Amino acid sequence: MTLLWWELVTSIRWALAAGCLLVLAPAGRAVPVVGQAQPDYLPFGTVCVGGAVEGSFLVYASADDPKPTVKVEAPKFVKVLGTKTFARQVGAANSFTCVEVEVAIETAREGEFESEIKVTVGEVTTKMPVSVVVKTRKAGQIRLLVAGTPFECAATDSGKMYKAWTDLVRDAGLDTSYLLVRPKQPVLRDLDLSKYNCVLLNAHALLSQTADYVQRVRAFAKAGGRVVVTTSAFFTGSVPAANEVLDGTGLELLDQGAPRGLKNVTPKADDFSPEVVKAGIKSATFFRASPIRVENGGRVLVSAVGFEKAGLGFVATAKVGKGEVTVMGVSLWWLWTAGERGEGADNTKLLRWLLAPPLAG
């Protein structure tokens, strides 16, 4: 599963209205088969009692029945939020009826939970492995709200791709909640943002934002919260949406991709700000990253590589009231964490540092 495939599927998925969707399968990638689930596993990792934990997965079914009967059987620790059925064509001659299943984890009590969600579409039953570790929250744990969830049906074929992120959450002791971005439902629901230390917003959340959403996020930062915005030009429409959140901070994400021939880059040591270096971060890789223009009090944390204009960043931050807003010009933050295209880089360490205040005094 490559970055390109995921970005292709998700950008098309969010750019077009629901209905028949044509997805071009890259050369060398296997075409899905009837009964296949995507991803093949939902490992939610470690969360805390009382957290919101949501995700979704896809089941491929025969195109012969566009409106099949769907039955979902879930273990007690999983709540089924809903299902939706749509047509999808992969490549030129591979048509499917797809069923998306949205779920939430019950986090009322602690424990280690592992089981399967059974989805029967017509006469074919698919089993989706799901696991989570629910722990009692400890005093002082950083509360992180992620909108939208990385555990999403278009995210990846393989549940193994989440390991770097779930390991980060476990090792850093983050109390993390995950929200699905759902049609006709406010992205941030009615959650009290003051209960969180940090809010991470991805392209899906940005594309679904409203004026009220932007106001709530900006008020959260001014009151002392940390906001991390992460997207790139590859997701059509997400950069202007990100800049609505960033307006007035001195940070502007530019709606442009990497220069030709420089899709995957590794900044040099002097491209990192002193505070980043002091945190022990020595290397990071960026794939198809969009640059950030910085002015009026903003500061670059990691300089952009390969662009003609000087002073741009791949990661930048700015004080907003009592809080801080940080932007990363990458769309696949959770997969970027794994450093798939640059093993040995400190991507995980950098993201962990960004999510755990304070960055500066």
Protein backbone atom coordinates (compact mmCIF):
# COMPACT_ATOMS: atom_id res chain seq x y z
CA MET A 1 0.00 0.00 0.00
CA THR A 2 1.68 3.22 -1.11
CA LEU A 3 1.05 6.82 -0.20
CA LEU A 4 0.01 7.55 -3.76
CA TRP A 5 -2.80 4.99 -3.76
CA TRP A 6 -4.26 6.20 -0.48
CA GLU A 7 -4.14 9.83 -1.53
CA LEU A 8 -5.72 8.99 -4.89
CA VAL A 9 -8.62 7.13 -3.33
CA THR A 10 -9.33 9.58 -0.53
CA SER A 11 -8.98 12.75 -2.58
CA ILE A 12 -11.40 11.41 -5.19
CA ARG A 13 -13.72 10.09 -2.51
CA TRP A 14 -14.04 13.48 -0.87
CA ALA A 15 -14.03 15.51 -4.06
CA LEU A 16 -16.99 13.72 -5.63
CA ALA A 17 -20.52 13.26 -4.42
CA ALA A 18 -21.74 9.85 -3.37
CA GLY A 19 -22.60 7.53 -6.22
CA CYS A 20 -20.77 5.40 -8.72
CA LEU A 21 -17.06 5.96 -8.23
CA LEU A 22 -14.30 5.03 -10.64
CA VAL A 23 -10.96 4.34 -9.00
CA LEU A 24 -7.92 3.67 -11.14
CA ALA A 25 -5.85 0.85 -9.65
CA PRO A 26 -2.10 1.57 -9.91
CA ALA A 27 0.04 -0.94 -11.74
CA GLY A 28 1.13 -3.79 -9.51
CA ARG A 29 -1.68 -3.38 -6.99
CA ALA A 30 -4.09 -6.29 -6.67
CA VAL A 31 -7.72 -5.63 -7.56
CA PRO A 32 -10.06 -6.28 -4.59
CA VAL A 33 -12.14 -9.45 -4.50
CA VAL A 34 -15.67 -10.06 -3.29
CA GLY A 35 -15.66 -10.50 0.48
CA GLN A 36 -12.47 -8.50 1.01
CA ALA A 37 -12.36 -5.93 3.80
CA GLN A 38 -10.47 -2.64 3.72
CA PRO A 39 -8.47 -2.30 5.86
CA ASP A 40 -7.94 -5.92 6.82
CA TYR A 41 -7.73 -5.10 10.54
CA LEU A 42 -8.81 -2.28 12.87
CA PRO A 43 -6.19 -1.97 15.65
CA PHE A 44 -7.29 1.07 17.67
CA GLY A 45 -4.34 0.73 20.03
CA THR A 46 -4.44 2.24 23.51
CA VAL A 47 -7.23 4.64 24.53
CA CYS A 48 -8.64 5.84 27.83
CA VAL A 49 -11.90 5.23 29.66
CA GLY A 50 -14.52 7.71 28.49
CA GLY A 51 -12.79 8.54 25.21
CA ALA A 52 -14.54 8.82 21.84
CA VAL A 53 -13.12 6.18 19.52
CA GLU A 54 -14.59 5.89 16.02
CA GLY A 55 -13.57 4.25 12.77
CA SER A 56 -14.87 2.61 9.61
CA PHE A 57 -14.09 -0.15 7.17
CA LEU A 58 -15.21 -1.24 3.73
CA VAL A 59 -16.50 -4.57 2.47
CA TYR A 60 -16.39 -5.38 -1.25
CA ALA A 61 -19.44 -7.23 -2.56
CA SER A 62 -20.69 -8.40 -5.94
CA ALA A 63 -21.89 -5.70 -8.31
CA ASP A 64 -24.72 -8.02 -9.38
CA ASP A 65 -26.82 -6.78 -6.47
CA PRO A 66 -26.65 -2.97 -6.06
CA LYS A 67 -28.91 -3.06 -2.98
CA PRO A 68 -27.95 -6.20 -1.07
CA THR A 69 -29.17 -7.13 2.38
CA VAL A 70 -26.56 -6.21 4.97
CA LYS A 71 -26.25 -7.73 8.44
CA VAL A 72 -23.60 -6.61 10.93
CA GLU A 73 -22.81 -8.62 14.07
CA ALA A 74 -20.45 -6.87 16.48
CA PRO A 75 -18.92 -7.84 19.82
CA LYS A 76 -20.15 -6.06 22.94
CA PHE A 77 -17.29 -3.57 22.99
CA VAL A 78 -18.13 -2.35 19.47
CA LYS A 79 -21.14 -0.19 18.61
CA VAL A 80 -22.26 -0.07 14.98
CA LEU A 81 -22.99 3.55 14.06
CA GLY A 82 -24.34 2.81 10.61
CA THR A 83 -23.77 1.38 7.16
CA LYS A 84 -23.99 2.78 3.66
CA THR A 85 -23.91 1.05 0.31
CA PHE A 86 -22.54 2.46 -2.93
CA ALA A 87 -21.13 1.36 -6.29
CA ARG A 88 -17.42 1.45 -7.06
CA GLN A 89 -15.48 0.60 -10.16
CA VAL A 90 -11.80 -0.26 -9.75
CA GLY A 91 -9.90 -0.01 -13.00
CA ALA A 92 -11.66 -0.40 -16.31
CA ALA A 93 -13.52 -3.66 -15.78
CA ASN A 94 -13.90 -4.40 -12.07
CA SER A 95 -17.20 -3.28 -10.59
CA PHE A 96 -18.26 -3.76 -6.99
CA THR A 97 -21.05 -2.97 -4.59
CA CYS A 98 -19.32 -1.62 -1.50
CA VAL A 99 -20.62 -1.49 2.06
CA GLU A 100 -19.05 0.99 4.46
CA VAL A 101 -19.46 0.12 8.13
CA GLU A 102 -19.00 2.85 10.75
CA VAL A 103 -18.23 1.79 14.30
CA ALA A 104 -17.42 3.18 17.74
CA ILE A 105 -15.61 1.52 20.62
CA GLU A 106 -17.34 1.31 23.99
CA THR A 107 -14.88 2.85 26.46
CA ALA A 108 -16.93 2.76 29.66
CA ARG A 109 -14.62 0.23 31.31
CA GLU A 110 -10.96 -0.67 31.07
CA GLY A 111 -9.65 -3.90 29.60
CA GLU A 112 -8.01 -5.50 26.59
CA PHE A 113 -10.57 -6.33 23.93
CA GLU A 114 -10.12 -8.32 20.74
CA SER A 115 -12.72 -9.93 18.53
CA GLU A 116 -14.31 -9.83 15.06
CA ILE A 117 -17.07 -7.86 13.43
CA LYS A 118 -19.06 -10.08 11.05
CA VAL A 119 -20.59 -8.42 8.02
CA THR A 120 -22.89 -10.47 5.82
CA VAL A 121 -23.62 -8.90 2.46
CA GLY A 122 -26.10 -11.04 0.58
CA GLU A 123 -24.78 -14.55 1.18
CA VAL A 124 -21.11 -13.66 1.73
CA THR A 125 -19.80 -13.11 5.27
CA THR A 126 -16.66 -11.07 5.94
CA LYS A 127 -14.87 -11.01 9.28
CA MET A 128 -13.13 -7.82 10.41
CA PRO A 129 -10.64 -8.26 13.28
CA VAL A 130 -10.78 -5.40 15.78
CA SER A 131 -8.78 -4.73 18.92
CA VAL A 132 -8.36 -2.02 21.54
CA VAL A 133 -6.78 -1.54 24.94
CA VAL A 134 -8.83 0.70 27.23
CA LYS A 135 -7.01 2.09 30.27
CA THR A 136 -8.03 4.32 33.14
CA ARG A 137 -6.86 7.85 32.56
CA LYS A 138 -3.99 9.02 34.75
CA ALA A 139 -3.63 12.53 36.12
CA GLY A 140 -1.56 14.74 33.86
CA GLN A 141 -2.13 12.76 30.66
CA ILE A 142 -2.33 14.94 27.56
CA ARG A 143 -5.78 14.78 26.02
CA LEU A 144 -5.68 14.70 22.22
CA LEU A 145 -8.70 14.98 19.93
CA VAL A 146 -8.17 13.71 16.37
CA ALA A 147 -10.63 14.79 13.67
CA GLY A 148 -10.98 12.89 11.45
CA THR A 149 -9.96 9.46 12.58
CA PRO A 150 -7.08 7.70 10.81
CA PHE A 151 -9.00 4.43 11.22
CA GLU A 152 -11.07 5.13 8.13
CA CYS A 153 -12.17 2.82 5.33
CA ALA A 154 -10.22 4.62 2.59
CA ALA A 155 -7.05 4.95 4.63
CA THR A 156 -5.15 1.75 3.88
CA ASP A 157 -5.45 -1.88 2.88
CA SER A 158 -3.36 -3.09 5.82
CA GLY A 159 -4.01 -2.54 9.51
CA LYS A 160 -0.26 -2.95 10.08
CA MET A 161 0.23 0.56 8.72
CA TYR A 162 -1.23 1.99 11.95
CA LYS A 163 1.46 0.52 14.19
CA ALA A 164 3.80 3.54 14.25
CA TRP A 165 0.94 5.79 15.30
CA THR A 166 -0.59 3.48 17.92
CA ASP A 167 2.88 2.85 19.35
CA LEU A 168 3.39 6.62 19.62
CA VAL A 169 0.09 7.04 21.47
CA ARG A 170 0.96 4.22 23.87
CA ASP A 171 4.54 5.29 24.52
CA ALA A 172 3.67 8.98 24.95
CA GLY A 173 0.75 8.15 27.21
CA LEU A 174 -1.69 10.24 25.18
CA ASP A 175 -5.39 10.12 26.03
CA THR A 176 -6.59 10.14 22.42
CA SER A 177 -10.11 10.40 21.01
CA TYR A 178 -10.91 9.78 17.34
CA LEU A 179 -13.86 11.27 15.47
CA LEU A 180 -15.25 10.09 12.15
CA VAL A 181 -16.14 12.83 9.71
CA ARG A 182 -19.74 12.02 8.86
CA PRO A 183 -22.14 13.76 6.45
CA LYS A 184 -24.63 16.14 8.07
CA GLN A 185 -22.93 15.82 11.46
CA PRO A 186 -20.77 18.59 12.98
CA VAL A 187 -17.12 17.55 12.81
CA LEU A 188 -16.47 18.38 16.47
CA ARG A 189 -19.96 17.32 17.62
CA ASP A 190 -20.92 19.00 20.88
CA LEU A 191 -17.64 18.14 22.61
CA ASP A 192 -16.26 20.56 25.17
CA LEU A 193 -12.88 21.40 23.62
CA SER A 194 -11.63 22.90 26.87
CA LYS A 195 -11.23 19.35 28.16
CA TYR A 196 -8.51 18.69 25.57
CA ASN A 197 -4.92 19.88 25.42
CA CYS A 198 -4.53 19.42 21.67
CA VAL A 199 -6.77 19.12 18.62
CA LEU A 200 -5.37 17.56 15.43
CA LEU A 201 -7.27 18.35 12.22
CA ASN A 202 -6.76 16.45 8.97
CA ALA A 203 -7.96 17.07 5.42
CA HIS A 204 -11.28 15.30 5.94
CA ALA A 205 -12.18 17.48 8.91
CA LEU A 206 -11.05 20.64 7.12
CA LEU A 207 -13.12 19.85 4.03
CA SER A 208 -16.23 19.47 6.18
CA GLN A 209 -15.73 22.50 8.41
CA THR A 210 -18.27 25.26 8.98
CA ALA A 211 -17.88 28.82 10.22
CA ASP A 212 -18.87 27.65 13.71
CA TYR A 213 -16.23 24.91 13.52
CA VAL A 214 -13.50 27.43 12.64
CA GLN A 215 -14.61 29.77 15.41
CA ARG A 216 -14.53 26.97 17.99
CA VAL A 217 -11.05 25.85 16.95
CA ARG A 218 -9.64 29.37 17.02
CA ALA A 219 -11.25 30.06 20.42
CA PHE A 220 -9.73 26.83 21.73
CA ALA A 221 -6.25 27.98 20.71
CA LYS A 222 -6.69 31.49 22.12
CA ALA A 223 -7.73 29.99 25.45
CA GLY A 224 -4.47 28.03 25.68
CA GLY A 225 -5.03 24.95 23.55
CA ARG A 226 -2.80 23.57 20.86
CA VAL A 227 -4.12 23.08 17.31
CA VAL A 228 -2.22 20.98 14.78
CA VAL A 229 -3.42 21.32 11.18
CA THR A 230 -2.13 18.77 8.69
CA THR A 231 -2.92 18.56 4.98
CA SER A 232 -1.43 19.26 1.55
CA ALA A 233 -2.37 20.49 -1.90
CA PHE A 234 -3.05 16.94 -3.05
CA PHE A 235 -6.42 17.06 -1.28
CA THR A 236 -8.32 19.48 -3.48
CA GLY A 237 -9.94 22.23 -1.43
CA SER A 238 -8.26 21.33 1.84
CA VAL A 239 -5.56 24.04 1.70
CA PRO A 240 -8.02 26.98 1.47
CA ALA A 241 -9.99 25.34 4.28
CA ALA A 242 -6.83 25.04 6.38
CA ASN A 243 -6.07 28.71 5.81
CA GLU A 244 -9.47 29.65 7.24
CA VAL A 245 -8.28 28.14 10.51
CA LEU A 246 -4.82 29.74 10.13
CA ASP A 247 -6.09 33.21 9.18
CA GLY A 248 -4.44 35.89 11.30
CA THR A 249 -1.82 33.59 12.80
CA GLY A 250 1.02 34.56 10.45
CA LEU A 251 0.91 31.11 8.86
CA GLU A 252 -0.34 30.37 5.34
CA LEU A 253 -0.28 26.95 3.72
CA LEU A 254 0.44 27.32 0.01
CA ASP A 255 -1.76 25.39 -2.40
CA GLN A 256 1.10 23.81 -4.30
CA GLY A 257 2.82 20.46 -4.29
CA ALA A 258 6.44 19.42 -4.34
CA PRO A 259 8.62 20.59 -7.24
CA ARG A 260 9.11 18.15 -10.09
CA GLY A 261 11.52 15.39 -9.11
CA LEU A 262 11.41 16.28 -5.40
CA LYS A 263 8.35 14.43 -4.14
CA ASN A 264 10.28 12.72 -1.35
CA VAL A 265 12.82 14.89 0.48
CA THR A 266 14.91 14.82 3.65
CA PRO A 267 15.77 18.25 5.07
CA LYS A 268 19.36 18.80 6.22
CA ALA A 269 20.37 19.35 9.83
CA ASP A 270 20.37 23.14 9.48
CA ASP A 271 16.80 23.04 8.14
CA PHE A 272 15.56 22.29 11.67
CA SER A 273 14.99 25.10 14.17
CA PRO A 274 17.13 25.11 17.34
CA GLU A 275 14.17 24.04 19.49
CA VAL A 276 13.54 21.03 17.25
CA VAL A 277 17.20 20.03 17.40
CA LYS A 278 17.19 20.48 21.18
CA ALA A 279 14.30 18.00 21.34
CA GLY A 280 16.60 15.36 19.84
CA ILE A 281 15.09 15.37 16.35
CA LYS A 282 17.86 14.89 13.80
CA SER A 283 16.06 13.80 10.62
CA ALA A 284 12.63 13.74 8.99
CA THR A 285 11.26 12.86 5.57
CA PHE A 286 8.47 14.60 3.69
CA PHE A 287 6.52 13.12 0.77
CA ARG A 288 4.63 15.48 -1.54
CA ALA A 289 4.61 18.14 1.17
CA SER A 290 3.13 21.60 0.60
CA PRO A 291 5.12 24.64 1.79
CA ILE A 292 4.08 27.13 4.45
CA ARG A 293 4.60 30.90 4.24
CA VAL A 294 5.49 32.43 7.60
CA GLU A 295 5.23 36.06 8.73
CA ASN A 296 4.00 38.31 11.56
CA GLY A 297 5.25 36.29 14.51
CA GLY A 298 5.05 32.81 13.05
CA ARG A 299 8.18 30.69 12.99
CA VAL A 300 9.47 27.83 10.88
CA LEU A 301 10.23 24.60 12.72
CA VAL A 302 11.33 22.59 9.68
CA SER A 303 12.34 24.46 6.53
CA ALA A 304 10.87 23.46 3.17
CA VAL A 305 13.29 21.87 0.71
CA GLY A 306 13.39 22.39 -3.06
CA PHE A 307 11.32 25.56 -3.44
CA GLU A 308 12.70 28.68 -5.11
CA LYS A 309 11.32 31.06 -2.51
CA ALA A 310 13.36 31.21 0.70
CA GLY A 311 11.89 31.13 4.18
CA LEU A 312 9.16 28.55 3.56
CA GLY A 313 8.53 25.68 5.94
CA PHE A 314 7.18 22.14 5.93
CA VAL A 315 6.30 22.59 9.62
CA ALA A 316 5.61 25.97 11.21
CA THR A 317 3.96 27.33 14.31
CA ALA A 318 2.59 30.54 15.80
CA LYS A 319 1.36 31.79 19.14
CA VAL A 320 -2.38 32.49 19.23
CA GLY A 321 -3.55 34.09 22.46
CA LYS A 322 -2.51 31.76 25.26
CA GLY A 323 -2.17 28.81 22.89
CA GLU A 324 -0.45 27.78 19.71
CA VAL A 325 -1.33 26.72 16.17
CA THR A 326 1.00 24.44 14.22
CA VAL A 327 0.66 23.43 10.59
CA MET A 328 2.32 20.57 8.71
CA GLY A 329 2.17 20.47 4.92
CA VAL A 330 1.55 16.72 4.86
CA SER A 331 -1.79 15.03 4.33
CA LEU A 332 -1.16 11.53 5.62
CA TRP A 333 0.07 12.44 9.09
CA TRP A 334 -0.36 8.98 10.60
CA LEU A 335 1.41 7.23 7.71
CA TRP A 336 4.01 10.02 7.56
CA THR A 337 4.71 9.15 11.19
CA ALA A 338 5.88 5.71 10.10
CA GLY A 339 8.47 7.26 7.79
CA GLU A 340 7.52 4.76 5.08
CA ARG A 341 9.68 6.53 2.52
CA GLY A 342 12.54 7.32 4.85
CA GLU A 343 13.24 4.59 7.38
CA GLY A 344 15.38 5.78 10.26
CA ALA A 345 13.96 9.30 10.21
CA ASP A 346 12.61 10.94 13.36
CA ASN A 347 9.11 11.50 12.00
CA THR A 348 7.51 9.80 14.99
CA LYS A 349 9.59 11.77 17.46
CA LEU A 350 8.77 15.03 15.67
CA LEU A 351 5.02 14.45 15.70
CA ARG A 352 5.10 13.35 19.33
CA TRP A 353 6.91 16.58 20.19
CA LEU A 354 4.39 18.68 18.26
CA LEU A 355 1.48 17.12 20.11
CA ALA A 356 2.98 17.45 23.59
CA PRO A 357 3.21 21.08 24.77
CA PRO A 358 4.96 23.26 25.51
CA LEU A 359 6.96 23.85 22.34
CA ALA A 360 8.25 27.18 23.49
CA GLY A 361 8.27 29.25 26.59
